[in-house]
């Protein structure tokens, strides 16, 4: 491995770890979006590490399954677009 590739790999590892740590803190603190930061950390890691790509694929499949289950619930209604004037002028 070249030095440049090692430096990139180290920066990706550190950046992903920071996002994961802040995401974990966000799960406990109401001002931080914990889940979003955890997924962002996995996205950063997945650019360099195979195990992170596989974990991210499992998370995506789980989220797709959860959203499909929500579709059948009586209380769940997806957001609808508001009817109104066209925001782009003629």
Protein backbone atom coordinates (compact mmCIF):
# COMPACT_ATOMS: atom_id res chain seq x y z
CA UNK A 1 0.00 0.00 0.00
CA UNK A 2 1.13 3.46 -0.76
CA UNK A 3 1.48 6.16 1.85
CA UNK A 4 -1.30 8.18 0.22
CA UNK A 5 -3.72 5.24 0.44
CA UNK A 6 -2.79 4.68 4.09
CA UNK A 7 -3.40 8.36 4.90
CA UNK A 8 -6.77 8.28 3.12
CA UNK A 9 -7.76 5.11 4.95
CA UNK A 10 -6.79 6.66 8.29
CA UNK A 11 -8.75 9.84 7.57
CA UNK A 12 -11.82 7.83 6.55
CA UNK A 13 -11.53 5.76 9.74
CA UNK A 14 -11.22 8.85 11.94
CA UNK A 15 -14.01 10.76 10.18
CA UNK A 16 -16.37 7.79 10.35
CA UNK A 17 -15.52 7.19 14.00
CA UNK A 18 -16.26 10.83 14.85
CA UNK A 19 -19.64 10.65 13.13
CA UNK A 20 -20.46 7.37 14.89
CA UNK A 21 -19.48 8.77 18.30
CA UNK A 22 -21.51 11.95 17.81
CA UNK A 23 -24.40 9.78 16.54
CA UNK A 24 -24.26 7.66 19.67
CA UNK A 25 -24.36 10.81 21.76
CA UNK A 26 -27.27 11.98 19.62
CA UNK A 27 -29.29 8.94 20.62
CA UNK A 28 -29.23 10.22 24.20
CA UNK A 29 -29.31 13.98 23.54
CA UNK A 30 -32.45 15.50 22.04
CA UNK A 31 -30.62 18.18 20.04
CA UNK A 32 -28.62 15.84 17.79
CA UNK A 33 -30.05 13.58 15.05
CA UNK A 34 -28.42 10.36 16.27
CA UNK A 35 -29.71 7.93 13.66
CA UNK A 36 -28.78 10.20 10.77
CA UNK A 37 -25.24 10.62 12.09
CA UNK A 38 -24.84 6.88 12.65
CA UNK A 39 -25.85 6.17 9.05
CA UNK A 40 -23.56 8.97 7.84
CA UNK A 41 -20.66 7.39 9.73
CA UNK A 42 -21.41 4.05 8.10
CA UNK A 43 -21.52 5.74 4.70
CA UNK A 44 -18.09 7.25 5.28
CA UNK A 45 -16.66 3.93 6.47
CA UNK A 46 -18.28 2.04 3.59
CA UNK A 47 -16.14 3.98 1.12
CA UNK A 48 -13.09 2.17 2.47
CA UNK A 49 -14.13 -0.92 4.49
CA UNK A 50 -15.97 -3.97 3.17
CA UNK A 51 -17.51 -4.86 6.54
CA UNK A 52 -19.08 -1.37 6.70
CA UNK A 53 -20.55 -1.81 3.19
CA UNK A 54 -22.12 -5.11 4.27
CA UNK A 55 -23.47 -3.60 7.49
CA UNK A 56 -24.86 -0.62 5.57
CA UNK A 57 -26.63 -3.00 3.16
CA UNK A 58 -28.22 -4.76 6.13
CA UNK A 59 -29.31 -1.42 7.63
CA UNK A 60 -30.82 -0.34 4.30
CA UNK A 61 -32.72 -3.64 4.00
CA UNK A 62 -33.98 -3.28 7.57
CA UNK A 63 -35.16 0.30 6.94
CA UNK A 64 -36.91 -0.76 3.71
CA UNK A 65 -38.65 -3.57 5.60
CA UNK A 66 -39.74 -1.21 8.39
CA UNK A 67 -41.12 1.35 5.93
CA UNK A 68 -43.00 -1.39 4.05
CA UNK A 69 -44.57 -2.52 7.32
CA UNK A 70 -45.62 1.06 8.07
CA UNK A 71 -47.47 1.30 4.75
CA UNK A 72 -50.03 -1.26 5.95
CA UNK A 73 -50.76 0.50 9.25
CA UNK A 74 -54.05 2.30 9.61
CA UNK A 75 -52.56 5.25 11.51
CA UNK A 76 -49.71 5.86 9.05
CA UNK A 77 -50.28 8.38 6.28
CA UNK A 78 -47.39 9.52 4.09
CA UNK A 79 -47.07 13.24 3.61
CA UNK A 80 -49.03 14.70 0.76
CA UNK A 81 -47.96 17.63 -1.34
CA UNK A 82 -49.88 20.78 -0.62
CA UNK A 83 -52.04 22.17 -3.35
CA UNK A 84 -51.22 25.75 -4.03
CA UNK A 85 -49.66 28.19 -6.45
CA UNK A 86 -46.74 27.06 -8.53
CA UNK A 87 -43.55 28.37 -6.87
CA UNK A 88 -41.86 28.95 -10.23
CA UNK A 89 -42.96 32.16 -12.00
CA UNK A 90 -43.90 32.07 -15.69
